[in-house]
Structures are given as structure tokens and as C-alpha cells.
N, C-alpha and C. Protein backbone atom coordinates (compact mmCIF):
# COMPACT_ATOMS: atom_id res chain seq x y z
N UNK A 1 75.99 62.51 -12.86
CA UNK A 1 76.10 60.99 -13.85
C UNK A 1 76.55 60.16 -13.40
N UNK A 2 77.63 59.98 -12.40
CA UNK A 2 78.49 59.01 -11.94
C UNK A 2 77.05 57.75 -11.06
N UNK A 3 76.25 58.50 -10.51
CA UNK A 3 75.42 57.73 -9.79
C UNK A 3 74.41 56.74 -10.61
N UNK A 4 73.94 57.57 -12.05
CA UNK A 4 73.63 56.53 -13.34
C UNK A 4 74.30 55.32 -13.37
N UNK A 5 75.72 55.04 -13.26
CA UNK A 5 76.30 54.11 -13.59
C UNK A 5 76.18 53.03 -12.64
N UNK A 6 75.70 53.68 -11.60
CA UNK A 6 75.45 52.51 -10.42
C UNK A 6 73.69 52.17 -10.35
N UNK A 7 73.20 53.22 -10.40
CA UNK A 7 71.56 52.88 -10.40
C UNK A 7 71.25 52.25 -11.61
N UNK A 8 71.63 52.27 -12.64
CA UNK A 8 70.93 51.65 -13.72
C UNK A 8 71.32 50.22 -13.82
N UNK A 9 72.59 49.86 -13.46
CA UNK A 9 72.52 48.20 -13.47
C UNK A 9 71.86 47.85 -12.13
N UNK A 10 71.54 48.50 -10.89
CA UNK A 10 70.97 48.02 -9.98
C UNK A 10 69.22 48.09 -10.30
N UNK A 11 69.07 49.12 -10.83
CA UNK A 11 67.78 49.18 -11.39
C UNK A 11 67.27 47.78 -12.58
N UNK A 12 68.21 47.74 -13.20
CA UNK A 12 67.99 46.34 -14.19
C UNK A 12 68.10 45.07 -13.39
N UNK A 13 68.92 45.09 -12.57
CA UNK A 13 69.04 44.07 -11.44
C UNK A 13 67.43 43.57 -10.89
N UNK A 14 67.05 44.58 -10.09
CA UNK A 14 65.86 44.71 -9.61
C UNK A 14 64.89 44.23 -10.64
N UNK A 15 64.51 44.88 -11.56
CA UNK A 15 63.79 44.23 -12.65
C UNK A 15 63.97 43.18 -12.83
N UNK A 16 64.91 42.39 -13.35
CA UNK A 16 65.26 41.15 -13.41
C UNK A 16 64.99 39.96 -12.47
N UNK A 17 64.98 40.28 -11.38
CA UNK A 17 64.58 39.86 -10.20
C UNK A 17 62.99 39.69 -10.03
N UNK A 18 62.59 40.84 -10.46
CA UNK A 18 60.94 40.98 -10.14
C UNK A 18 60.04 39.97 -11.56
N UNK A 19 61.24 40.14 -12.57
CA UNK A 19 60.58 39.49 -13.62
C UNK A 19 60.62 37.73 -13.18
N UNK A 20 62.07 37.30 -12.62
CA UNK A 20 62.10 35.94 -12.26
C UNK A 20 61.23 35.50 -11.18
N UNK A 21 60.67 36.46 -10.27
CA UNK A 21 59.72 36.02 -9.05
C UNK A 21 58.50 35.87 -9.90
N UNK A 22 58.17 36.76 -10.67
CA UNK A 22 56.72 36.84 -11.36
C UNK A 22 56.65 35.47 -12.29
N UNK A 23 57.85 34.90 -12.73
CA UNK A 23 57.57 33.77 -13.62
C UNK A 23 57.58 32.66 -12.94
N UNK A 24 58.20 32.37 -11.68
CA UNK A 24 58.23 31.32 -10.74
C UNK A 24 56.49 31.10 -10.27
N UNK A 25 56.09 32.67 -10.07
CA UNK A 25 54.75 32.28 -9.54
C UNK A 25 53.77 32.12 -10.41
N UNK A 26 53.91 32.21 -11.80
CA UNK A 26 53.29 32.10 -12.96
C UNK A 26 53.36 30.36 -13.07
N UNK A 27 54.46 29.81 -13.03
CA UNK A 27 54.87 28.14 -12.93
C UNK A 27 53.91 27.54 -12.04
N UNK A 28 54.04 28.01 -10.67
CA UNK A 28 53.63 27.53 -9.51
C UNK A 28 51.78 27.39 -10.07
N UNK A 29 51.40 28.57 -10.28
CA UNK A 29 49.89 28.62 -10.84
C UNK A 29 49.50 27.61 -11.90
N UNK A 30 50.25 27.49 -12.90
CA UNK A 30 50.20 26.77 -13.67
C UNK A 30 49.96 25.32 -13.46
N UNK A 31 50.99 24.85 -12.75
CA UNK A 31 50.88 23.48 -11.93
C UNK A 31 50.00 23.44 -11.23
N UNK A 32 49.36 24.45 -10.41
CA UNK A 32 48.46 23.91 -9.54
C UNK A 32 46.99 23.90 -10.48
N UNK A 33 46.83 24.72 -11.30
CA UNK A 33 45.55 24.66 -12.19
C UNK A 33 45.93 23.48 -13.08
N UNK A 34 46.89 22.98 -13.28
CA UNK A 34 46.88 21.28 -13.86
C UNK A 34 46.70 20.44 -13.24
N UNK A 35 47.06 20.33 -12.05
CA UNK A 35 46.63 19.41 -11.03
C UNK A 35 45.30 19.28 -10.68
N UNK A 36 44.47 20.57 -10.46
CA UNK A 36 43.18 20.65 -10.32
C UNK A 36 42.19 20.15 -11.62
N UNK A 37 42.92 20.52 -12.84
CA UNK A 37 42.39 19.76 -14.17
C UNK A 37 42.31 18.48 -14.26
N UNK A 38 43.60 18.04 -13.71
CA UNK A 38 43.64 16.56 -13.99
C UNK A 38 42.61 15.85 -12.93
N UNK A 39 42.59 16.31 -11.84
CA UNK A 39 41.55 16.02 -10.52
C UNK A 39 40.17 15.93 -11.10
N UNK A 40 39.91 17.08 -11.75
CA UNK A 40 38.52 17.33 -12.06
C UNK A 40 38.09 16.40 -13.52
N UNK A 41 39.10 15.97 -14.25
CA UNK A 41 38.92 14.87 -15.30
C UNK A 41 38.84 13.57 -14.82
N UNK A 42 39.34 13.30 -13.94
CA UNK A 42 39.04 11.87 -13.22
C UNK A 42 37.87 12.00 -12.63
N UNK A 43 37.70 12.85 -12.01
CA UNK A 43 36.07 12.77 -11.16
C UNK A 43 35.07 12.83 -12.46
N UNK A 44 35.28 13.41 -13.33
CA UNK A 44 34.27 13.19 -14.49
C UNK A 44 34.31 12.08 -15.14
N UNK A 45 35.19 11.45 -15.32
CA UNK A 45 35.10 9.89 -15.96
C UNK A 45 34.85 9.07 -14.56
N UNK A 46 34.96 9.24 -13.56
CA UNK A 46 34.35 8.48 -12.56
C UNK A 46 32.66 8.39 -12.72
N UNK A 47 32.51 9.55 -12.41
CA UNK A 47 30.77 9.99 -12.57
C UNK A 47 30.31 9.23 -13.69
N UNK A 48 30.99 9.80 -15.17
CA UNK A 48 30.52 9.12 -16.09
C UNK A 48 30.25 7.51 -16.05
N UNK A 49 31.35 6.93 -15.75
CA UNK A 49 31.54 5.40 -15.28
C UNK A 49 30.16 5.15 -14.25
N UNK A 50 30.13 5.78 -13.38
CA UNK A 50 29.06 5.42 -12.40
C UNK A 50 27.72 5.65 -12.81
N UNK A 51 27.31 6.66 -13.50
CA UNK A 51 26.03 6.90 -14.19
C UNK A 51 25.79 5.53 -15.21
N UNK A 52 26.80 5.37 -16.21
CA UNK A 52 26.60 4.00 -16.90
C UNK A 52 25.98 2.74 -16.12
N UNK A 53 26.90 2.75 -15.04
CA UNK A 53 26.47 1.64 -14.16
C UNK A 53 25.32 1.59 -13.47
N UNK A 54 24.74 2.66 -13.26
CA UNK A 54 23.37 2.90 -12.68
C UNK A 54 22.24 2.74 -13.69
N UNK A 55 22.44 3.36 -14.82
CA UNK A 55 21.51 3.16 -15.93
C UNK A 55 21.37 1.60 -16.49
N UNK A 56 22.58 1.19 -16.51
CA UNK A 56 22.40 -0.52 -16.89
C UNK A 56 21.64 -1.24 -15.69
N UNK A 57 21.97 -0.88 -14.65
CA UNK A 57 21.19 -1.78 -13.38
C UNK A 57 19.70 -1.38 -13.50
N UNK A 58 19.31 0.09 -14.02
CA UNK A 58 17.91 0.46 -13.50
C UNK A 58 17.15 -0.42 -14.78
N UNK A 59 17.82 -0.91 -15.96
CA UNK A 59 17.37 -1.30 -17.19
C UNK A 59 17.22 -2.70 -16.69
N UNK A 60 18.16 -3.42 -16.15
CA UNK A 60 18.49 -5.11 -15.74
C UNK A 60 17.06 -4.91 -14.62
N UNK A 61 16.91 -4.09 -13.66
CA UNK A 61 15.95 -3.84 -12.50
C UNK A 61 14.50 -3.84 -13.18
N UNK A 62 14.21 -3.35 -14.56
CA UNK A 62 13.16 -3.20 -15.02
C UNK A 62 12.60 -4.34 -15.74
N UNK A 63 13.79 -5.33 -16.48
CA UNK A 63 13.75 -6.51 -16.93
C UNK A 63 13.27 -7.35 -15.85
N UNK A 64 13.68 -7.26 -14.88
CA UNK A 64 13.84 -8.49 -13.73
C UNK A 64 12.18 -8.31 -13.27
N UNK A 65 11.72 -6.76 -13.01
CA UNK A 65 10.38 -6.70 -12.41
C UNK A 65 9.48 -7.11 -13.36
N UNK A 66 9.62 -7.03 -14.81
CA UNK A 66 8.60 -7.60 -15.86
C UNK A 66 8.71 -9.15 -15.80
N UNK A 67 9.86 -9.41 -15.39
CA UNK A 67 9.81 -11.02 -15.78
C UNK A 67 9.14 -11.52 -14.30
N UNK A 68 9.08 -10.90 -13.14
CA UNK A 68 8.49 -11.49 -12.01
C UNK A 68 7.26 -11.07 -11.82
N UNK A 69 6.70 -10.00 -12.43
CA UNK A 69 5.51 -9.75 -12.95
C UNK A 69 4.51 -10.87 -13.43
N UNK A 70 5.46 -11.14 -14.73
CA UNK A 70 4.68 -12.21 -15.63
C UNK A 70 4.70 -13.45 -15.04
N UNK A 71 5.78 -13.85 -14.15
CA UNK A 71 5.57 -14.94 -13.36
C UNK A 71 4.76 -15.38 -12.28
N UNK A 72 4.58 -14.36 -11.60
CA UNK A 72 3.65 -14.09 -10.78
C UNK A 72 1.93 -14.01 -11.45
N UNK A 73 1.93 -13.55 -12.19
CA UNK A 73 0.62 -13.23 -13.02
C UNK A 73 0.07 -14.62 -13.53
N UNK A 74 1.05 -15.35 -14.02
CA UNK A 74 0.99 -17.08 -14.50
C UNK A 74 0.70 -17.80 -13.46
N UNK A 75 0.86 -17.53 -12.39
CA UNK A 75 0.99 -18.33 -10.99
C UNK A 75 -0.79 -17.87 -10.43
N UNK A 76 -0.86 -16.87 -10.33
CA UNK A 76 -2.21 -16.02 -9.61
C UNK A 76 -3.16 -16.72 -10.91
N UNK A 77 -2.95 -16.53 -12.30
CA UNK A 77 -4.10 -17.06 -12.93
C UNK A 77 -4.50 -18.49 -13.29
N UNK A 78 -3.27 -19.54 -12.67
CA UNK A 78 -3.45 -20.77 -12.68
C UNK A 78 -4.35 -21.31 -11.37
N UNK A 79 -3.78 -20.18 -10.67
CA UNK A 79 -4.78 -20.60 -9.42
C UNK A 79 -6.25 -20.27 -9.46
N UNK A 80 -6.48 -18.84 -10.05
CA UNK A 80 -7.87 -18.62 -10.62
C UNK A 80 -8.51 -19.28 -11.58
N UNK A 81 -7.77 -20.33 -12.51
CA UNK A 81 -8.27 -20.95 -13.51
C UNK A 81 -8.81 -22.16 -13.26
N UNK A 82 -8.92 -22.49 -11.89
CA UNK A 82 -9.29 -23.97 -11.73
C UNK A 82 -10.86 -24.44 -11.95
N UNK A 83 -10.95 -25.28 -12.57
CA UNK A 83 -12.33 -25.84 -12.86
C UNK A 83 -13.27 -26.61 -11.66
N UNK A 84 -14.24 -26.11 -11.53
CA UNK A 84 -15.34 -26.77 -10.38
C UNK A 84 -14.88 -28.40 -10.16
N UNK A 85 -14.65 -29.13 -11.00
CA UNK A 85 -13.88 -30.56 -11.04
C UNK A 85 -12.75 -30.45 -10.19
N UNK A 86 -11.90 -29.60 -10.50
CA UNK A 86 -10.58 -29.43 -9.91
C UNK A 86 -10.73 -29.06 -8.70
N UNK A 87 -11.52 -27.94 -8.27
CA UNK A 87 -11.83 -27.61 -7.14
C UNK A 87 -12.29 -28.55 -6.02
N UNK A 88 -13.41 -29.59 -6.54
CA UNK A 88 -14.03 -30.43 -5.61
C UNK A 88 -12.76 -31.21 -5.28
N UNK A 89 -11.87 -31.78 -6.22
CA UNK A 89 -11.09 -32.56 -6.03
C UNK A 89 -9.76 -31.84 -4.82
N UNK A 90 -9.71 -32.38 -3.33
CA UNK A 90 -9.02 -32.03 -2.21
C UNK A 90 -7.68 -32.25 -2.36
N UNK A 91 -6.82 -31.73 -2.65
CA UNK A 91 -5.31 -31.91 -2.65
C UNK A 91 -4.68 -32.13 -1.27
N UNK A 92 -3.95 -33.25 -1.34
CA UNK A 92 -3.29 -33.22 0.27
C UNK A 92 -2.69 -32.06 1.12
N UNK A 93 -2.60 -32.03 2.20
CA UNK A 93 -2.11 -30.72 3.03
C UNK A 93 -0.61 -30.54 2.52
N UNK A 94 0.12 -31.79 2.21
CA UNK A 94 1.38 -31.45 1.86
C UNK A 94 1.60 -30.74 0.59
N UNK A 95 0.57 -31.10 -0.42
CA UNK A 95 0.89 -30.62 -1.82
C UNK A 95 0.26 -28.96 -1.75
N UNK A 96 -0.70 -28.83 -1.03
CA UNK A 96 -1.14 -27.10 -0.44
C UNK A 96 0.02 -26.53 0.02
N UNK A 97 0.58 -27.04 1.02
CA UNK A 97 1.86 -26.14 1.87
C UNK A 97 2.91 -26.06 0.78
N UNK A 98 3.22 -26.96 0.05
CA UNK A 98 4.50 -27.05 -1.01
C UNK A 98 4.03 -25.85 -1.74
N UNK A 99 2.68 -25.69 -2.33
CA UNK A 99 2.38 -24.89 -3.56
C UNK A 99 2.31 -23.54 -3.11
N UNK A 100 1.80 -23.57 -1.77
CA UNK A 100 1.83 -22.21 -1.14
C UNK A 100 3.20 -21.77 -0.63
N UNK A 101 3.99 -22.50 -0.41
CA UNK A 101 5.58 -21.68 -0.40
C UNK A 101 6.12 -21.30 -1.33
N UNK A 102 5.94 -22.17 -2.56
CA UNK A 102 6.48 -21.81 -3.57
C UNK A 102 5.72 -20.12 -4.24
N UNK A 103 4.47 -20.14 -4.28
CA UNK A 103 3.66 -19.12 -4.67
C UNK A 103 4.19 -17.92 -3.82
N UNK A 104 4.32 -17.96 -2.75
CA UNK A 104 4.89 -17.05 -1.36
C UNK A 104 6.16 -16.41 -1.51
N UNK A 105 7.15 -17.70 -2.17
CA UNK A 105 8.62 -17.32 -2.57
C UNK A 105 8.32 -16.36 -3.84
N UNK A 106 7.62 -16.63 -4.52
CA UNK A 106 7.28 -16.03 -6.12
C UNK A 106 6.85 -14.29 -5.89
N UNK A 107 6.15 -14.49 -4.60
CA UNK A 107 5.79 -12.93 -4.37
C UNK A 107 4.10 -12.83 -4.53
N UNK A 108 3.59 -14.14 -4.50
CA UNK A 108 2.26 -14.09 -4.73
C UNK A 108 1.30 -13.40 -3.73
N UNK A 109 0.53 -12.48 -4.07
CA UNK A 109 -0.36 -11.67 -3.14
C UNK A 109 -2.09 -11.39 -3.67
N UNK A 110 -2.54 -12.30 -4.30
CA UNK A 110 -3.73 -12.18 -4.86
C UNK A 110 -4.84 -12.67 -3.64
N UNK A 111 -5.99 -12.35 -3.92
CA UNK A 111 -7.07 -12.68 -2.72
C UNK A 111 -7.31 -14.13 -2.89
N UNK A 112 -7.08 -14.87 -4.04
CA UNK A 112 -7.23 -16.41 -4.10
C UNK A 112 -6.14 -17.17 -3.41
N UNK A 113 -4.89 -16.69 -3.52
CA UNK A 113 -3.45 -16.77 -2.72
C UNK A 113 -3.70 -16.83 -1.08
N UNK A 114 -4.42 -15.62 -0.86
CA UNK A 114 -4.53 -15.44 0.54
C UNK A 114 -5.77 -16.15 0.90
N UNK A 115 -6.77 -16.64 0.58
CA UNK A 115 -7.80 -17.38 0.93
C UNK A 115 -7.41 -18.75 1.00
N UNK A 116 -6.23 -19.40 0.17
CA UNK A 116 -6.18 -20.59 0.15
C UNK A 116 -4.78 -20.85 1.20
N UNK A 117 -3.80 -20.44 1.06
CA UNK A 117 -2.50 -20.33 1.83
C UNK A 117 -2.71 -19.17 2.99
N UNK A 118 -3.45 -18.56 3.47
CA UNK A 118 -3.45 -17.50 4.69
C UNK A 118 -2.50 -16.23 4.36
N UNK A 119 -3.00 -15.29 4.91
CA UNK A 119 -2.12 -13.94 4.32
C UNK A 119 -1.08 -13.67 5.19
N UNK A 120 -0.76 -14.10 6.37
CA UNK A 120 0.38 -13.70 7.39
C UNK A 120 1.19 -15.14 7.54
N UNK A 121 1.21 -16.12 6.77
CA UNK A 121 2.30 -17.21 7.04
C UNK A 121 3.46 -16.69 6.12
N UNK A 122 4.61 -17.42 6.66
CA UNK A 122 6.09 -17.22 6.22
C UNK A 122 6.15 -18.63 5.31
N UNK A 123 6.96 -18.76 4.54
CA UNK A 123 7.41 -19.96 3.91
C UNK A 123 7.73 -21.09 4.74
N UNK A 124 8.90 -20.49 6.02
CA UNK A 124 9.03 -21.80 6.52
C UNK A 124 7.84 -21.98 7.51
N UNK A 125 7.02 -21.42 7.77
CA UNK A 125 6.06 -21.87 8.75
C UNK A 125 4.60 -21.88 8.06
N UNK A 126 4.59 -22.28 6.65
CA UNK A 126 3.25 -22.61 5.93
C UNK A 126 2.74 -23.79 6.09
N UNK A 127 1.28 -23.72 6.82
CA UNK A 127 0.54 -24.82 6.85
C UNK A 127 -0.56 -24.67 6.02
N UNK A 128 -1.05 -25.86 5.75
CA UNK A 128 -1.85 -26.03 4.81
C UNK A 128 -3.56 -25.73 5.56
N UNK A 129 -4.68 -25.05 4.95
CA UNK A 129 -5.53 -24.93 5.62
C UNK A 129 -6.42 -25.97 6.01
N UNK A 130 -7.14 -26.23 7.14
CA UNK A 130 -8.11 -27.30 7.14
C UNK A 130 -9.23 -27.72 6.13
N UNK A 131 -9.38 -28.60 5.70
CA UNK A 131 -10.51 -28.98 4.70
C UNK A 131 -11.59 -29.83 5.33
């Protein structure tokens, strides 16, 4: 029975040491999990902000596309709506070149535009057609 006097405190000491080690391990895992959770929340917030920015930009792009389309249609309609009297009056080469440059910058691509201004010329090198 004397060995129990030494064994029981030794067993209790080993048990307490084991509990201490398990406790430290649990705290380390808790800290690691907390860090991962914080990083995941930051990433979620970053992605939510990015998604909002992309949606806003897409809406702005749609509005810009609609405005450009409306402007281009108005310019194309203006070219196509000329009367015979207007067509008979020949504009100067400078007027034609300036008008073609403006339409080209606005993205005009109608057949009438190509007929009057030419299809392959750039705004910098625009030339009026010979009349």
C-alpha cells in the first residue's frame, strides 16, 4: 500500500499535465479558427463590395450605351432625312470633312454615312468625297 502513496499523486500529476496540454491545444485551435473566420469575413466583405461596384458599373454602361445609341440614331436619321433640295445643294469639302469626323467619333456606321464619308478613313485622315 505504500506504493499507492507515491503512485496516486504521480497519476494525479500526469492527469493534470495531460489536461493542461489538451487545454493549450484547444486554445491554439480556437485562435487559429478565429483567425480564419476573421479572414473569411474580410474576404466576404471585399467580394460583396466588388460585386456592388461591378453591378453599378454595368448599370452605368447600359445607360451610356443607350445614350450613345440614341445619339447615333439621331445623327443617322439626320443624314437619311435630307430632302432633294438639300441633297442638290453641295456642301463645301471642309463641311463634309468636319461632319464626317464628328459622325465617325460618335460611331456612325450607316450605309449613308459610308456612302458620304467613306468606310475606311479615320477621323484624323478624313477626306471629303469628290463631287
